[in-house]
Amino acid sequence: MADVILADGKLTPHASVSQVTLDWACGTDENDFELTIDDVLAPNISQGWYFWLDGSDVGGRIVDRRVSVAGGMSTTTWIGQSWTGMLAAKILQPDANQDYLTVSGKLPDILKNILKRIGLDTVFTVDSSDASILSNWMFQNPRYVDAYTGLRTLLASCGRRLDFKASGNKILLGVVPVQTVANTIDSDLVDFKAETNRRAVNHLIGLGSQELKNRLVVNYFADATGVVSQTQTLVGADEVCATYDYSNADLSTLQSETKKHLQELQTGGSVEVTLSDEVGDGLRVDDKIVAADQSSGVNVTAVVTKRIVKIDSGILTSTFEVGLPVQSANANYSGSSSSSSGSAGGGVSLTAGRGLSISGGTISAEVASEDLDSVRQVAESADRTASGFAAQIGKANQIAEDARNVADAAKSVADSAKSGMMTDSERSKLASVERGANAYTLPKASTDVLGGVRVDGSSIVSVDGVISAHFGGGVSGKAVFPIGYVVMNTTGVDPSVDFGGTWRQLPSLGCSMFERIG
């Protein structure tokens, strides 16, 4: 028997009732409830009251009612927002004179500040020991976003999700790691439908500013594995082409946005399934599950997008719907997270990740050609810098050599001159030039003075007179990844923690994958 707690607008409980009918949901596209209570047992409920199931995430705020009359009997159904619906009813927007709303700090502190910002800090109590840190995280896609979607996106960027729980007459809001549960959706246990996506656009034409023959046009292509570049590999009947109109974009913006849009179109497939509470026990929205068909060997990783809870005749049932994940934006993140994934046997593995595949339990990643191009460009730049230093050193050495030649010539003249033409003292002074007493001193090189330079011994080193430039780490000694570079890890930790820069997480099956965009 499920007992429903009824509380007033200050979250003060007034009654606990069990004879109710409930239809409650939270997730991507449904965050509301309908609650019918036996009028004899119900207190004097009004709009603005709350209900919850103690110890669970089920609950919400009453905002309206519907009265039905049949056979002289009236039934009142209370309609409202689930906890997630209350967040979805608020919009996160940039501060005045700011391009984006930007947040930094520990995840629990960020959550507290956002709740205060949207006026829900009197409803939810943040309860989390998560020490993960975000740095200059921007709500930018879109700039104006509902608080539920915005928080899901923010937490997804560092492998976390929201966790609601009613306890001690408080609505606790926590931050917990996303869990990936393998061997949950098995064709031997659960019916599901998985679909591959071989019809995705693989050639996107970006149209920018200006008109007619002067209009900016760029072309981006995806290969058979979903890797996006400016090299076309799918042609003829395999080519699926579309246009992307961004009429006020300059060339740089058009290139980045066209590439980004084509990447978003690359999905390896989808899965449709509804799980019972027995199969999905402990799962919550944004957790990940692996669907496996034993006969075909197809494995598809999906994300819980909705949880539905119903109470009828005192019996509580819950179901879960899975599908595509909420899109995560870029972030600068430091902290730790844990996740696991599995693959049942061999066969075909469907993935949505850029350059990622899972086959026979082996995870493989492909590096796009433009990633290598960017690395090559940085290396060439370093080589040019080293060459410039070498040229300056060569000029300085030539000056020194010229000075020595002048001294040698003067000494030769003096030695061959008759004694009457130069005194012994003068000859001694001239000879001292060679011994170094009045030797030529090479000036120190600067931006305005050509002179001697000294190698630093790390990025520019000298071995047997050969100057070499070493391309590698930044000031911290860590690797530097250019914009557009993609890395993959099994921890879910944003690469900005170790390598700096601004990254966004890409859709992926199993391992976490990030692309540097700033």
Protein backbone atom coordinates (compact mmCIF):
# COMPACT_ATOMS: atom_id res chain seq x y z
CA MET A 1 0.00 0.00 0.00
CA ALA A 2 1.48 3.34 -1.07
CA ASP A 3 0.85 6.20 1.35
CA VAL A 4 0.66 9.69 -0.12
CA ILE A 5 1.72 12.63 2.06
CA LEU A 6 -0.31 15.83 1.56
CA ALA A 7 1.38 19.09 2.63
CA ASP A 8 0.54 22.77 2.45
CA GLY A 9 2.44 25.47 0.59
CA LYS A 10 5.09 25.58 3.32
CA LEU A 11 5.75 21.82 2.99
CA THR A 12 4.04 21.16 6.33
CA PRO A 13 2.31 17.72 6.18
CA HIS A 14 -1.42 17.60 6.99
CA ALA A 15 -2.45 14.08 6.06
CA SER A 16 -1.30 10.67 4.85
CA VAL A 17 -3.75 8.85 2.57
CA SER A 18 -3.59 5.54 0.75
CA GLN A 19 -6.84 5.43 -1.23
CA VAL A 20 -5.64 7.42 -4.21
CA THR A 21 -5.24 7.13 -7.94
CA LEU A 22 -2.03 8.59 -9.34
CA ASP A 23 -0.53 9.06 -12.78
CA TRP A 24 2.88 10.76 -12.40
CA ALA A 25 5.74 11.24 -14.86
CA CYS A 26 9.12 12.94 -15.14
CA GLY A 27 11.55 13.12 -18.03
CA THR A 28 12.18 14.62 -21.42
CA ASP A 29 8.66 15.48 -22.57
CA GLU A 30 6.32 14.87 -19.60
CA ASN A 31 6.74 16.33 -16.11
CA ASP A 32 3.32 16.42 -14.49
CA PHE A 33 0.79 14.35 -12.56
CA GLU A 34 -2.90 13.70 -11.95
CA LEU A 35 -3.92 12.76 -8.40
CA THR A 36 -7.40 11.64 -7.35
CA ILE A 37 -8.10 11.32 -3.61
CA ASP A 38 -11.11 9.91 -1.82
CA ASP A 39 -13.01 13.06 -0.81
CA VAL A 40 -13.87 11.58 2.57
CA LEU A 41 -10.20 11.14 3.49
CA ALA A 42 -8.78 14.22 1.84
CA PRO A 43 -8.12 17.35 3.91
CA ASN A 44 -9.08 20.79 2.64
CA ILE A 45 -6.63 20.74 -0.27
CA SER A 46 -6.07 23.86 -2.35
CA GLN A 47 -3.87 24.98 -5.19
CA GLY A 48 -0.25 25.39 -4.09
CA TRP A 49 -0.23 22.30 -1.90
CA TYR A 50 2.30 19.51 -2.33
CA PHE A 51 2.22 15.73 -2.30
CA TRP A 52 4.94 13.10 -2.13
CA LEU A 53 5.71 9.47 -1.45
CA ASP A 54 8.11 9.50 1.46
CA GLY A 55 11.56 8.14 0.63
CA SER A 56 11.06 8.34 -3.14
CA ASP A 57 11.39 10.82 -5.99
CA VAL A 58 7.64 10.81 -6.63
CA GLY A 59 5.90 14.07 -5.76
CA GLY A 60 5.03 17.54 -6.95
CA ARG A 61 3.02 20.73 -6.56
CA ILE A 62 -0.75 21.03 -7.17
CA VAL A 63 -1.57 23.83 -9.60
CA ASP A 64 -5.13 23.05 -10.78
CA ARG A 65 -8.04 20.65 -10.47
CA ARG A 66 -10.62 18.91 -12.63
CA VAL A 67 -14.11 18.03 -11.30
CA SER A 68 -16.14 15.22 -12.86
CA VAL A 69 -19.78 14.51 -11.95
CA ALA A 70 -21.46 11.18 -12.69
CA GLY A 71 -24.61 9.74 -11.11
CA GLY A 72 -24.82 12.62 -8.69
CA MET A 73 -21.30 11.90 -7.40
CA SER A 74 -18.41 14.29 -7.98
CA THR A 75 -14.77 13.36 -8.30
CA THR A 76 -11.94 15.86 -7.96
CA THR A 77 -8.67 15.21 -9.74
CA TRP A 78 -5.75 17.39 -8.73
CA ILE A 79 -3.37 18.34 -11.56
CA GLY A 80 0.14 19.61 -11.07
CA GLN A 81 3.83 19.66 -11.79
CA SER A 82 6.23 16.92 -10.76
CA TRP A 83 9.47 18.11 -9.14
CA THR A 84 11.08 18.15 -12.58
CA GLY A 85 8.07 20.01 -13.94
CA MET A 86 8.64 22.80 -11.42
CA LEU A 87 12.16 23.19 -12.76
CA ALA A 88 10.93 23.00 -16.36
CA ALA A 89 8.57 25.92 -15.66
CA LYS A 90 11.55 28.23 -15.02
CA ILE A 91 13.85 29.80 -17.62
CA LEU A 92 17.58 30.32 -17.16
CA GLN A 93 18.64 33.51 -18.90
CA PRO A 94 21.85 35.57 -19.11
CA ASP A 95 22.41 38.47 -16.74
CA ALA A 96 22.03 42.00 -18.07
CA ASN A 97 24.74 42.94 -20.58
CA GLN A 98 26.06 39.36 -20.65
CA ASP A 99 26.14 37.06 -23.67
CA TYR A 100 25.62 33.87 -21.64
CA LEU A 101 24.72 32.72 -18.16
CA THR A 102 28.02 31.37 -16.82
CA VAL A 103 28.53 29.32 -13.65
CA SER A 104 31.59 28.07 -11.77
CA GLY A 105 32.31 26.14 -8.59
CA LYS A 106 31.37 22.85 -6.96
CA LEU A 107 28.27 21.20 -8.42
CA PRO A 108 26.20 21.42 -5.18
CA ASP A 109 27.00 25.14 -4.84
CA ILE A 110 26.07 25.76 -8.49
CA LEU A 111 22.78 23.95 -7.89
CA LYS A 112 22.03 26.08 -4.81
CA ASN A 113 22.73 29.30 -6.70
CA ILE A 114 20.52 28.31 -9.63
CA LEU A 115 17.65 27.31 -7.31
CA LYS A 116 17.92 30.69 -5.60
CA ARG A 117 18.09 32.40 -8.98
CA ILE A 118 14.79 30.84 -10.10
CA GLY A 119 13.06 31.16 -6.71
CA LEU A 120 12.86 27.46 -5.82
CA ASP A 121 15.40 27.43 -2.98
CA THR A 122 12.49 27.36 -0.48
CA VAL A 123 11.16 24.15 -2.07
CA PHE A 124 14.28 22.09 -2.72
CA THR A 125 17.11 21.45 -0.29
CA VAL A 126 20.40 20.60 -2.00
CA ASP A 127 21.85 17.49 -0.39
CA SER A 128 25.04 16.28 -2.07
CA SER A 129 28.67 15.67 -1.15
CA ASP A 130 29.81 15.66 -4.76
CA ALA A 131 33.08 17.61 -4.96
CA SER A 132 33.18 17.94 -8.75
CA ILE A 133 34.01 21.42 -10.02
CA LEU A 134 32.93 23.29 -13.13
CA SER A 135 34.81 26.33 -14.42
CA ASN A 136 33.10 28.99 -16.56
CA TRP A 137 30.35 26.65 -17.77
CA MET A 138 28.02 28.48 -20.16
CA PHE A 139 24.36 27.84 -20.92
CA GLN A 140 24.75 28.55 -24.60
CA ASN A 141 22.76 26.09 -26.67
CA PRO A 142 20.22 27.55 -26.30
CA ARG A 143 21.00 30.71 -24.35
CA TYR A 144 17.49 30.75 -22.87
CA VAL A 145 16.68 27.27 -21.58
CA ASP A 146 14.29 25.83 -19.03
CA ALA A 147 15.98 25.02 -15.73
CA TYR A 148 15.31 21.26 -15.93
CA THR A 149 16.86 20.87 -19.39
CA GLY A 150 19.68 23.25 -18.52
CA LEU A 151 20.60 21.38 -15.34
CA ARG A 152 20.39 18.00 -17.08
CA THR A 153 22.72 19.29 -19.79
CA LEU A 154 25.12 20.78 -17.27
CA LEU A 155 25.31 17.60 -15.21
CA ALA A 156 25.50 15.36 -18.30
CA SER A 157 28.68 17.21 -19.31
CA CYS A 158 30.45 15.72 -16.29
CA GLY A 159 28.70 12.34 -16.02
CA ARG A 160 26.16 13.33 -13.36
CA ARG A 161 22.37 13.48 -13.02
CA LEU A 162 19.74 14.98 -10.70
CA ASP A 163 18.44 12.86 -7.83
CA PHE A 164 15.18 13.76 -6.02
CA LYS A 165 14.08 12.32 -2.69
CA ALA A 166 11.38 13.27 -0.16
CA SER A 167 12.68 12.77 3.36
CA GLY A 168 12.02 14.38 6.74
CA ASN A 169 9.39 16.72 5.27
CA LYS A 170 12.03 18.09 2.88
CA ILE A 171 12.46 17.67 -0.83
CA LEU A 172 16.13 16.79 -1.21
CA LEU A 173 17.86 17.47 -4.51
CA GLY A 174 21.13 15.62 -5.01
CA VAL A 175 23.84 15.16 -7.63
CA VAL A 176 24.89 11.57 -8.33
CA PRO A 177 26.98 9.85 -11.03
CA VAL A 178 25.13 8.45 -14.03
CA GLN A 179 25.08 4.67 -13.86
CA THR A 180 25.36 2.44 -16.90
CA VAL A 181 23.62 -0.90 -16.39
CA ALA A 182 24.55 -3.76 -18.70
CA ASN A 183 22.55 -6.97 -19.22
CA THR A 184 19.33 -5.16 -18.31
CA ILE A 185 17.53 -5.14 -21.65
CA ASP A 186 17.98 -8.61 -23.09
CA SER A 187 15.90 -9.96 -25.95
CA ASP A 188 15.42 -13.13 -23.92
CA LEU A 189 13.81 -11.10 -21.12
CA VAL A 190 12.37 -7.91 -22.62
CA ASP A 191 10.82 -7.05 -25.99
CA PHE A 192 12.38 -4.01 -27.61
CA LYS A 193 12.82 -2.43 -31.03
CA ALA A 194 16.25 -1.33 -32.21
CA GLU A 195 16.77 0.52 -35.46
CA THR A 196 19.99 1.33 -37.27
CA ASN A 197 20.32 4.70 -38.95
CA ARG A 198 21.92 4.43 -42.36
CA ARG A 199 19.87 7.28 -43.85
CA ALA A 200 21.50 10.14 -41.97
CA VAL A 201 22.70 13.14 -43.97
CA ASN A 202 26.38 12.65 -44.85
CA HIS A 203 26.94 15.74 -47.01
CA LEU A 204 25.93 19.12 -45.60
CA ILE A 205 26.24 22.32 -47.62
CA GLY A 206 26.54 25.38 -45.40
CA LEU A 207 25.21 28.66 -46.87
CA GLY A 208 26.45 31.86 -45.22
CA SER A 209 26.34 35.60 -45.79
CA GLN A 210 26.28 37.59 -49.08
CA GLU A 211 24.20 36.84 -52.17
CA LEU A 212 24.23 34.76 -55.36
CA LYS A 213 27.73 34.05 -56.74
CA ASN A 214 29.32 35.89 -53.79
CA ARG A 215 27.55 33.85 -51.14
CA LEU A 216 29.78 31.95 -48.73
CA VAL A 217 29.48 28.20 -49.23
CA VAL A 218 31.19 25.38 -47.32
CA ASN A 219 30.90 21.60 -47.64
CA TYR A 220 31.29 19.04 -44.87
CA PHE A 221 31.05 15.27 -45.17
CA ALA A 222 30.51 12.33 -42.84
CA ASP A 223 32.01 8.94 -43.56
CA ALA A 224 30.45 5.53 -42.91
CA THR A 225 31.44 5.66 -39.23
CA GLY A 226 30.01 9.16 -38.66
CA VAL A 227 33.35 11.00 -38.66
CA VAL A 228 32.90 14.53 -40.07
CA SER A 229 35.55 16.23 -42.21
CA GLN A 230 35.89 18.10 -45.50
CA THR A 231 36.82 14.91 -47.36
CA GLN A 232 34.01 13.06 -49.10
CA THR A 233 34.03 9.25 -48.94
CA LEU A 234 30.37 8.43 -49.59
CA VAL A 235 29.44 9.21 -53.18
CA GLY A 236 26.87 8.26 -55.77
CA ALA A 237 23.89 6.38 -54.37
CA ASP A 238 25.44 6.43 -50.88
CA GLU A 239 25.49 10.23 -50.69
CA VAL A 240 22.67 11.86 -48.66
CA CYS A 241 22.87 15.63 -49.10
CA ALA A 242 21.17 18.59 -47.39
CA THR A 243 21.66 22.34 -46.95
CA TYR A 244 22.21 24.37 -43.81
CA ASP A 245 21.15 28.03 -44.15
CA TYR A 246 22.97 30.48 -41.87
CA SER A 247 22.52 33.66 -43.89
CA ASN A 248 24.35 36.10 -41.60
CA ALA A 249 27.37 33.92 -40.79
CA ASP A 250 30.93 34.85 -41.71
CA LEU A 251 33.25 32.15 -43.05
CA SER A 252 34.66 31.04 -39.70
CA THR A 253 31.25 30.81 -38.06
CA LEU A 254 29.74 29.07 -41.08
CA GLN A 255 32.47 26.43 -41.05
CA SER A 256 32.21 25.66 -37.35
CA GLU A 257 28.40 25.63 -37.27
CA THR A 258 28.02 23.54 -40.43
CA LYS A 259 30.47 20.98 -39.10
CA LYS A 260 28.74 20.97 -35.70
CA HIS A 261 25.30 20.55 -37.27
CA LEU A 262 26.40 17.63 -39.42
CA GLN A 263 27.96 15.96 -36.37
CA GLU A 264 24.62 16.26 -34.55
CA LEU A 265 22.94 14.43 -37.42
CA GLN A 266 25.23 11.41 -37.08
CA THR A 267 23.49 8.76 -34.95
CA GLY A 268 24.16 5.07 -35.11
CA GLY A 269 20.61 4.07 -34.30
CA SER A 270 17.90 4.11 -31.67
CA VAL A 271 16.09 1.77 -29.30
CA GLU A 272 12.49 1.82 -28.15
CA VAL A 273 11.56 -0.10 -25.02
CA THR A 274 9.46 0.29 -21.90
CA LEU A 275 10.86 -1.34 -18.76
CA SER A 276 8.88 -2.53 -15.80
CA ASP A 277 9.89 -1.60 -12.27
CA GLU A 278 11.24 -5.12 -11.78
CA VAL A 279 13.66 -4.78 -14.70
CA GLY A 280 14.46 -1.09 -14.14
CA ASP A 281 14.74 -1.18 -10.36
CA GLY A 282 16.95 1.69 -9.22
CA LEU A 283 17.08 3.40 -12.63
CA ARG A 284 16.35 7.11 -12.94
CA VAL A 285 16.16 9.59 -15.80
CA ASP A 286 19.56 9.99 -17.58
CA ASP A 287 20.91 6.62 -16.42
CA LYS A 288 22.18 4.41 -19.27
CA ILE A 289 21.26 0.84 -20.16
CA VAL A 290 22.48 -1.64 -22.76
CA ALA A 291 19.97 -3.45 -24.97
CA ALA A 292 21.19 -6.72 -26.47
CA ASP A 293 19.58 -9.11 -28.94
CA GLN A 294 21.19 -12.53 -28.54
CA SER A 295 20.09 -13.88 -31.92
CA SER A 296 21.40 -11.02 -34.09
CA GLY A 297 24.24 -9.89 -31.84
CA VAL A 298 22.98 -6.29 -31.93
CA ASN A 299 23.95 -4.14 -28.92
CA VAL A 300 22.52 -0.64 -28.45
CA THR A 301 23.24 1.70 -25.54
CA ALA A 302 20.25 3.86 -24.63
CA VAL A 303 19.39 6.45 -21.99
CA VAL A 304 16.41 6.49 -19.63
CA THR A 305 14.35 9.49 -20.81
CA LYS A 306 11.17 9.12 -18.77
CA ARG A 307 9.89 7.52 -15.57
CA ILE A 308 6.16 6.90 -15.11
CA VAL A 309 4.63 5.95 -11.76
CA LYS A 310 0.99 4.93 -11.29
CA ILE A 311 -1.04 4.02 -8.22
CA ASP A 312 -4.35 2.22 -8.66
CA SER A 313 -6.26 0.30 -5.98
CA GLY A 314 -3.33 0.74 -3.62
CA ILE A 315 -0.83 -0.89 -6.01
CA LEU A 316 2.14 1.11 -7.25
CA THR A 317 3.73 0.35 -10.61
CA SER A 318 6.49 2.16 -12.42
CA THR A 319 7.81 1.97 -15.97
CA PHE A 320 10.76 3.51 -17.78
CA GLU A 321 11.11 4.73 -21.35
CA VAL A 322 14.49 4.89 -23.06
CA GLY A 323 15.73 6.75 -26.10
CA LEU A 324 18.25 9.40 -27.11
CA PRO A 325 20.10 11.31 -24.38
CA VAL A 326 19.83 14.99 -23.55
CA GLN A 327 22.47 16.88 -25.57
CA SER A 328 25.41 17.93 -23.43
CA ALA A 329 27.22 21.19 -23.93
CA ASN A 330 30.90 21.97 -23.45
CA ALA A 331 32.39 22.52 -20.03
CA ASN A 332 35.53 23.03 -18.12
CA TYR A 333 35.27 20.31 -15.51
CA SER A 334 37.36 18.79 -12.80
CA GLY A 335 36.35 15.93 -10.56
CA SER A 336 35.69 12.24 -10.81
CA SER A 337 32.93 10.02 -12.07
CA SER A 338 32.38 6.35 -12.57
CA SER A 339 30.53 4.40 -15.21
CA SER A 340 30.59 1.01 -16.78
CA SER A 341 29.34 -0.46 -19.97
CA GLY A 342 29.08 -3.89 -21.42
CA SER A 343 28.64 -5.67 -24.68
CA ALA A 344 27.09 -9.09 -24.95
CA GLY A 345 29.21 -11.11 -27.30
CA GLY A 346 30.18 -10.23 -30.83
CA GLY A 347 28.11 -9.05 -33.75
CA VAL A 348 27.27 -5.53 -34.80
CA SER A 349 27.45 -2.71 -32.28
CA LEU A 350 25.43 0.42 -32.97
CA THR A 351 26.95 3.63 -31.73
CA ALA A 352 26.19 7.34 -31.87
CA GLY A 353 29.69 8.49 -31.05
CA ARG A 354 31.96 10.34 -33.47
CA GLY A 355 34.65 7.95 -34.65
CA LEU A 356 33.65 5.36 -32.01
CA SER A 357 32.72 1.74 -32.52
CA ILE A 358 32.24 -1.28 -30.27
CA SER A 359 32.54 -4.69 -31.80
CA GLY A 360 33.12 -8.00 -30.10
CA GLY A 361 33.75 -6.25 -26.79
CA THR A 362 36.52 -4.10 -28.32
CA ILE A 363 36.22 -0.31 -28.34
CA SER A 364 37.88 1.44 -31.28
CA ALA A 365 38.32 5.13 -32.04
CA GLU A 366 39.19 6.76 -35.33
CA VAL A 367 40.95 10.11 -35.65
CA ALA A 368 39.55 12.35 -38.36
CA SER A 369 41.83 13.81 -41.00
CA GLU A 370 41.12 17.36 -39.90
CA ASP A 371 42.33 16.45 -36.41
CA LEU A 372 45.66 15.36 -37.86
CA ASP A 373 45.73 18.49 -40.02
CA SER A 374 45.37 20.71 -36.98
CA VAL A 375 48.20 18.90 -35.19
CA ARG A 376 50.33 19.20 -38.32
CA GLN A 377 49.64 22.94 -38.52
CA VAL A 378 50.75 23.49 -34.94
CA ALA A 379 53.90 21.42 -35.53
CA GLU A 380 54.72 23.42 -38.66
CA SER A 381 54.22 26.65 -36.70
CA ALA A 382 56.67 25.44 -34.05
CA ASP A 383 59.15 24.49 -36.78
CA ARG A 384 58.87 27.97 -38.33
CA THR A 385 59.49 29.53 -34.92
CA ALA A 386 62.57 27.39 -34.39
CA SER A 387 63.79 28.24 -37.89
CA GLY A 388 63.42 31.94 -37.10
CA PHE A 389 65.55 31.55 -33.98
CA ALA A 390 68.14 29.62 -35.98
CA ALA A 391 68.31 32.39 -38.59
CA GLN A 392 68.89 35.04 -35.92
CA ILE A 393 71.60 32.95 -34.30
CA GLY A 394 73.24 32.48 -37.68
CA LYS A 395 73.32 36.25 -38.29
CA ALA A 396 74.81 36.87 -34.86
CA ASN A 397 77.50 34.25 -35.49
CA GLN A 398 78.31 35.94 -38.82
CA ILE A 399 78.80 39.30 -37.07
CA ALA A 400 81.21 37.68 -34.64
CA GLU A 401 83.09 36.00 -37.48
CA ASP A 402 83.39 39.31 -39.36
CA ALA A 403 84.78 40.96 -36.23
CA ARG A 404 87.41 38.24 -35.87
CA ASN A 405 88.42 38.65 -39.53
CA VAL A 406 88.93 42.39 -39.03
CA ALA A 407 91.12 41.76 -35.99
CA ASP A 408 93.16 39.15 -37.85
CA ALA A 409 93.69 41.50 -40.79
CA ALA A 410 94.79 44.33 -38.53
CA LYS A 411 97.24 42.04 -36.74
CA SER A 412 98.69 40.86 -40.06
CA VAL A 413 99.28 44.44 -41.19
CA ALA A 414 100.87 45.34 -37.90
CA ASP A 415 103.16 42.33 -37.91
CA SER A 416 104.41 43.11 -41.42
CA ALA A 417 104.87 46.85 -40.83
CA LYS A 418 108.24 48.31 -40.11
CA SER A 419 109.02 49.16 -36.53
CA GLY A 420 109.08 52.87 -37.36
CA MET A 421 105.48 52.80 -38.47
CA MET A 422 104.05 51.29 -35.19
CA THR A 423 105.38 51.35 -31.68
CA ASP A 424 105.90 48.22 -29.62
CA SER A 425 103.13 49.43 -27.27
CA GLU A 426 100.68 49.84 -30.11
CA ARG A 427 101.57 46.44 -31.46
CA SER A 428 101.01 44.94 -28.02
CA LYS A 429 97.55 46.53 -27.78
CA LEU A 430 96.58 45.20 -31.20
CA ALA A 431 97.78 41.73 -30.28
CA SER A 432 95.63 41.88 -27.15
CA VAL A 433 92.54 41.92 -29.36
CA GLU A 434 93.25 38.33 -30.31
CA ARG A 435 93.91 37.35 -26.69
CA GLY A 436 90.50 38.71 -25.64
CA ALA A 437 91.43 41.73 -23.54
CA ASN A 438 89.49 44.01 -25.89
CA ALA A 439 87.62 41.28 -27.74
CA TYR A 440 84.40 41.97 -29.60
CA THR A 441 81.30 41.37 -27.44
CA LEU A 442 78.21 40.05 -29.17
CA PRO A 443 75.10 42.13 -28.12
CA LYS A 444 72.11 40.38 -26.54
CA ALA A 445 69.33 39.77 -29.05
CA SER A 446 65.92 41.47 -28.58
CA THR A 447 62.94 42.42 -30.69
CA ASP A 448 64.85 45.48 -31.93
CA VAL A 449 68.48 44.35 -31.68
CA LEU A 450 70.09 41.61 -33.70
CA GLY A 451 72.51 39.68 -31.49
CA GLY A 452 73.21 36.52 -29.61
CA VAL A 453 70.53 34.19 -28.23
CA ARG A 454 70.72 31.29 -25.78
CA VAL A 455 68.67 28.11 -26.22
CA ASP A 456 66.36 27.28 -23.29
CA GLY A 457 67.29 23.59 -23.18
CA SER A 458 63.73 22.28 -23.35
CA SER A 459 61.62 23.48 -26.29
CA ILE A 460 64.76 24.56 -28.20
CA VAL A 461 67.87 22.46 -27.54
CA SER A 462 71.36 22.34 -29.02
CA VAL A 463 73.13 19.04 -29.60
CA ASP A 464 76.60 19.23 -31.16
CA GLY A 465 75.76 22.66 -32.55
CA VAL A 466 72.43 21.53 -34.05
CA ILE A 467 69.38 23.50 -32.85
CA SER A 468 66.14 21.55 -32.61
CA ALA A 469 62.58 22.59 -31.67
CA HIS A 470 60.52 20.18 -29.60
CA PHE A 471 56.73 20.53 -30.02
CA GLY A 472 54.71 19.25 -27.10
CA GLY A 473 53.30 20.42 -23.83
CA GLY A 474 52.18 23.85 -22.71
CA VAL A 475 53.33 25.73 -19.67
CA SER A 476 52.03 22.99 -17.40
CA GLY A 477 54.00 20.30 -19.21
CA LYS A 478 50.80 18.62 -20.39
CA ALA A 479 49.75 17.82 -23.92
CA VAL A 480 48.00 20.56 -25.87
CA PHE A 481 45.05 19.58 -28.02
CA PRO A 482 43.99 22.04 -30.77
CA ILE A 483 40.39 23.05 -31.42
CA GLY A 484 38.57 20.26 -33.23
CA TYR A 485 40.59 17.50 -31.58
CA VAL A 486 38.59 14.61 -30.12
CA VAL A 487 39.61 12.53 -27.12
CA MET A 488 37.95 9.58 -25.49
CA ASN A 489 38.10 8.26 -21.93
CA THR A 490 36.35 5.76 -19.68
CA THR A 491 35.99 8.08 -16.70
CA GLY A 492 33.59 10.71 -18.03
CA VAL A 493 35.99 13.43 -16.82
CA ASP A 494 36.00 16.54 -19.02
CA PRO A 495 39.45 16.83 -20.70
CA SER A 496 39.71 20.51 -19.66
CA VAL A 497 40.72 19.23 -16.21
CA ASP A 498 44.03 17.94 -17.55
CA PHE A 499 44.50 19.76 -20.84
CA GLY A 500 42.63 23.08 -20.48
CA GLY A 501 40.43 24.65 -23.13
CA THR A 502 36.70 24.34 -23.71
CA TRP A 503 35.23 20.92 -24.59
CA ARG A 504 31.83 19.48 -25.34
CA GLN A 505 30.77 15.91 -24.85
CA LEU A 506 29.71 14.01 -27.94
CA PRO A 507 27.08 11.25 -28.01
CA SER A 508 28.76 7.95 -27.32
CA LEU A 509 28.12 4.33 -26.52
CA GLY A 510 30.22 3.11 -23.64
CA CYS A 511 33.23 5.40 -23.31
CA SER A 512 32.90 9.17 -22.93
CA MET A 513 34.04 11.25 -25.88
CA PHE A 514 34.79 14.98 -25.99
CA GLU A 515 35.58 17.47 -28.74
CA ARG A 516 37.58 20.63 -28.08
CA ILE A 517 35.67 23.69 -29.38
CA GLY A 518 37.48 26.53 -27.65
